[in-house]
Amino acid sequence: AAARKFVASALEHTPDSPDALLMSAQIELASGNAGEAQKVLQHAIDAHPELLPLRFAMVSLAMKSGKLDVAKTQVAKMKEIAPADNRTLYSDALVAYAENDNARARDSIQKVLTGSPDHLPSLLLSGLVNYRLGAYPAAEDALRKVEAKVPNEPTVVRALATLYLRTGRVSQALQTLEPALRQAPDDPALLRMAGEAYLA
């Protein structure tokens, strides 16, 4: 409530402040108001069309909301503004992955990782894309780097366990799943994968 009041006060004085609008959108999103967050971000983008962080935030929101067309529109504009910026490349990779354009996704995410080799979201996406492309060693390398930084993160655990099962390494799949299952014993996806591993 205090944050919302602070932002409202800031917007009274400077209604087009990009920082205040971005903060307002984040507050709306955290409150479960994705539609309102999108409206606020769109207002911010209309007022400041050249600011990449606003468009990047819109891509993130659109992908979470399943609005691929909105994300694609923003990525196209980001490519016009700053085609080599990591936020543009990462956003392009997300959209490409959602569209099953895995070669483009891999190319864009590789460019991000060339300059920022420890960027965890990019490493995760690299692992997922390379898995889809059947490049299992590259997928495993990327996913293990993420796992080293955030052990037992469910998305990473599921991805690694899937990779291990796909490549016939059942014991590694179980070793990966067991600590995550201790933390989330009722996670249906983890339970299903553990069942597959035990039956393999």
Protein backbone atom coordinates (compact mmCIF):
# COMPACT_ATOMS: atom_id res chain seq x y z
CA ALA A 1 0.00 0.00 0.00
CA ALA A 2 2.84 2.39 0.82
CA ALA A 3 4.54 1.71 -2.51
CA ARG A 4 1.30 2.34 -4.38
CA LYS A 5 0.85 5.69 -2.56
CA PHE A 6 4.44 6.68 -3.28
CA VAL A 7 4.05 5.92 -6.99
CA ALA A 8 0.69 7.69 -7.19
CA SER A 9 2.27 10.76 -5.62
CA ALA A 10 5.18 10.65 -8.07
CA LEU A 11 2.79 10.35 -11.01
CA GLU A 12 0.77 13.34 -9.79
CA HIS A 13 3.87 15.51 -10.15
CA THR A 14 5.25 13.87 -13.33
CA PRO A 15 2.52 11.80 -15.00
CA ASP A 16 4.81 10.50 -17.73
CA SER A 17 7.77 9.55 -15.51
CA PRO A 18 9.08 6.30 -17.01
CA ASP A 19 10.47 5.08 -13.68
CA ALA A 20 7.22 5.75 -11.83
CA LEU A 21 5.14 4.19 -14.60
CA LEU A 22 7.35 1.10 -14.64
CA MET A 23 7.07 0.82 -10.87
CA SER A 24 3.30 1.26 -11.11
CA ALA A 25 3.09 -1.55 -13.66
CA GLN A 26 5.18 -3.81 -11.41
CA ILE A 27 2.87 -3.07 -8.47
CA GLU A 28 -0.19 -3.88 -10.58
CA LEU A 29 1.39 -7.11 -11.76
CA ALA A 30 2.36 -8.12 -8.23
CA SER A 31 -1.27 -7.46 -7.21
CA GLY A 32 -2.50 -9.81 -9.93
CA ASN A 33 -3.71 -7.05 -12.26
CA ALA A 34 -1.91 -8.03 -15.47
CA GLY A 35 -4.39 -6.12 -17.63
CA GLU A 36 -3.86 -2.90 -15.71
CA ALA A 37 -0.09 -3.44 -15.74
CA GLN A 38 -0.21 -3.75 -19.52
CA LYS A 39 -2.21 -0.49 -19.81
CA VAL A 40 0.30 1.35 -17.62
CA LEU A 41 3.23 -0.01 -19.62
CA GLN A 42 1.56 0.92 -22.89
CA HIS A 43 1.07 4.48 -21.61
CA ALA A 44 4.75 4.57 -20.66
CA ILE A 45 5.81 3.25 -24.08
CA ASP A 46 3.58 5.77 -25.86
CA ALA A 47 5.20 8.56 -23.84
CA HIS A 48 8.75 7.21 -24.22
CA PRO A 49 8.89 5.00 -27.34
CA GLU A 50 12.69 4.97 -27.40
CA LEU A 51 13.17 3.53 -23.89
CA LEU A 52 14.14 -0.12 -24.19
CA PRO A 53 13.51 -1.07 -20.52
CA LEU A 54 9.81 -0.26 -20.95
CA ARG A 55 9.52 -2.44 -24.05
CA PHE A 56 11.51 -5.21 -22.34
CA ALA A 57 9.08 -5.12 -19.42
CA MET A 58 6.16 -5.32 -21.86
CA VAL A 59 7.69 -8.38 -23.57
CA SER A 60 8.10 -10.08 -20.21
CA LEU A 61 4.51 -9.30 -19.20
CA ALA A 62 3.13 -10.34 -22.60
CA MET A 63 4.97 -13.69 -22.51
CA LYS A 64 3.71 -14.40 -18.99
CA SER A 65 0.18 -13.51 -20.10
CA GLY A 66 0.33 -15.63 -23.26
CA LYS A 67 0.08 -12.59 -25.55
CA LEU A 68 2.64 -13.55 -28.15
CA ASP A 69 1.46 -10.94 -30.66
CA VAL A 70 2.10 -8.13 -28.15
CA ALA A 71 5.56 -9.52 -27.44
CA LYS A 72 6.34 -9.82 -31.17
CA THR A 73 5.33 -6.20 -31.77
CA GLN A 74 7.61 -5.01 -28.98
CA VAL A 75 10.54 -7.13 -30.18
CA ALA A 76 10.19 -5.69 -33.69
CA LYS A 77 10.40 -2.16 -32.25
CA MET A 78 13.32 -3.13 -29.99
CA LYS A 79 15.20 -4.40 -33.05
CA GLU A 80 14.72 -0.98 -34.66
CA ILE A 81 15.93 0.87 -31.53
CA ALA A 82 18.85 -1.34 -30.40
CA PRO A 83 19.25 -4.56 -32.39
CA ALA A 84 22.43 -5.71 -30.60
CA ASP A 85 21.26 -4.93 -27.05
CA ASN A 86 21.07 -8.02 -24.83
CA ARG A 87 17.48 -7.21 -23.86
CA THR A 88 16.51 -7.18 -27.53
CA LEU A 89 18.35 -10.44 -28.24
CA TYR A 90 16.91 -12.17 -25.17
CA SER A 91 13.39 -11.00 -26.01
CA ASP A 92 13.81 -12.20 -29.59
CA ALA A 93 14.97 -15.59 -28.30
CA LEU A 94 11.91 -15.86 -26.01
CA VAL A 95 9.53 -15.10 -28.87
CA ALA A 96 11.38 -17.46 -31.23
CA TYR A 97 11.23 -20.24 -28.60
CA ALA A 98 7.49 -19.68 -28.16
CA GLU A 99 7.07 -19.95 -31.95
CA ASN A 100 9.22 -23.12 -32.12
CA ASP A 101 11.77 -21.27 -34.23
CA ASN A 102 14.53 -22.99 -32.33
CA ALA A 103 17.42 -22.10 -34.64
CA ARG A 104 16.64 -18.38 -34.30
CA ALA A 105 16.18 -18.75 -30.56
CA ARG A 106 19.55 -20.48 -30.25
CA ASP A 107 21.30 -17.85 -32.37
CA SER A 108 19.86 -14.93 -30.40
CA ILE A 109 20.52 -16.46 -27.00
CA GLN A 110 24.07 -17.39 -28.00
CA LYS A 111 24.75 -13.73 -28.79
CA VAL A 112 23.56 -12.80 -25.28
CA LEU A 113 25.75 -15.47 -23.70
CA THR A 114 28.79 -14.35 -25.68
CA GLY A 115 28.72 -11.04 -23.82
CA SER A 116 27.07 -12.22 -20.59
CA PRO A 117 28.05 -15.87 -20.07
CA ASP A 118 26.57 -16.05 -16.56
CA HIS A 119 23.12 -14.60 -17.35
CA LEU A 120 20.94 -17.30 -15.76
CA PRO A 121 17.71 -16.74 -17.73
CA SER A 122 19.72 -16.95 -20.96
CA LEU A 123 21.51 -20.10 -19.80
CA LEU A 124 18.16 -21.69 -18.95
CA LEU A 125 16.69 -20.75 -22.32
CA SER A 126 19.85 -22.01 -24.03
CA GLY A 127 19.42 -25.36 -22.28
CA LEU A 128 15.77 -25.64 -23.30
CA VAL A 129 16.45 -24.62 -26.91
CA ASN A 130 19.40 -26.95 -27.30
CA TYR A 131 17.35 -29.80 -25.85
CA ARG A 132 14.68 -29.19 -28.48
CA LEU A 133 17.35 -29.19 -31.16
CA GLY A 134 18.78 -32.50 -29.92
CA ALA A 135 22.07 -30.86 -28.90
CA TYR A 136 22.07 -32.68 -25.57
CA PRO A 137 25.66 -31.94 -24.43
CA ALA A 138 25.15 -28.20 -24.98
CA ALA A 139 21.77 -28.37 -23.23
CA GLU A 140 23.24 -30.20 -20.26
CA ASP A 141 26.15 -27.79 -19.99
CA ALA A 142 23.84 -24.76 -19.89
CA LEU A 143 21.36 -26.35 -17.46
CA ARG A 144 24.09 -27.53 -15.08
CA LYS A 145 25.45 -23.97 -14.92
CA VAL A 146 22.01 -22.78 -13.86
CA GLU A 147 21.64 -25.64 -11.38
CA ALA A 148 24.98 -24.70 -9.78
CA LYS A 149 23.65 -21.19 -9.07
CA VAL A 150 20.05 -22.09 -8.15
CA PRO A 151 19.92 -25.71 -6.98
CA ASN A 152 16.54 -27.45 -6.93
CA GLU A 153 14.81 -24.74 -8.99
CA PRO A 154 11.84 -26.71 -10.38
CA THR A 155 12.15 -25.66 -14.04
CA VAL A 156 15.84 -26.58 -14.10
CA VAL A 157 15.27 -29.86 -12.24
CA ARG A 158 12.54 -30.89 -14.67
CA ALA A 159 14.64 -29.94 -17.69
CA LEU A 160 17.72 -31.79 -16.45
CA ALA A 161 15.74 -34.87 -15.40
CA THR A 162 14.02 -34.94 -18.80
CA LEU A 163 17.38 -34.70 -20.53
CA TYR A 164 18.85 -37.49 -18.40
CA LEU A 165 15.87 -39.76 -19.06
CA ARG A 166 16.03 -38.99 -22.78
CA THR A 167 19.70 -39.93 -22.88
CA GLY A 168 19.23 -43.12 -20.81
CA ARG A 169 20.81 -41.87 -17.58
CA VAL A 170 18.12 -42.96 -15.15
CA SER A 171 20.25 -42.82 -11.99
CA GLN A 172 21.26 -39.21 -12.76
CA ALA A 173 17.61 -38.34 -13.34
CA LEU A 174 16.72 -39.74 -9.92
CA GLN A 175 19.65 -37.97 -8.22
CA THR A 176 18.42 -34.72 -9.75
CA LEU A 177 14.78 -35.27 -8.78
CA GLU A 178 15.19 -36.50 -5.19
CA PRO A 179 16.33 -33.24 -3.52
CA ALA A 180 13.63 -31.28 -5.36
CA LEU A 181 11.00 -33.81 -4.27
CA ARG A 182 12.09 -33.40 -0.64
CA GLN A 183 11.38 -29.66 -0.98
CA ALA A 184 8.15 -30.07 -2.99
CA PRO A 185 6.82 -33.59 -2.31
CA ASP A 186 3.43 -32.84 -3.90
CA ASP A 187 4.70 -31.32 -7.16
CA PRO A 188 2.80 -33.35 -9.79
CA ALA A 189 5.37 -32.84 -12.55
CA LEU A 190 8.24 -33.96 -10.34
CA LEU A 191 6.26 -36.95 -9.08
CA ARG A 192 5.39 -38.00 -12.64
CA MET A 193 9.02 -37.76 -13.72
CA ALA A 194 10.20 -39.70 -10.68
CA GLY A 195 7.65 -42.40 -11.50
CA GLU A 196 8.94 -42.57 -15.08
CA ALA A 197 12.51 -42.82 -13.81
CA TYR A 198 11.72 -45.63 -11.37
CA LEU A 199 9.90 -47.55 -14.10
CA ALA A 200 12.67 -47.07 -16.66
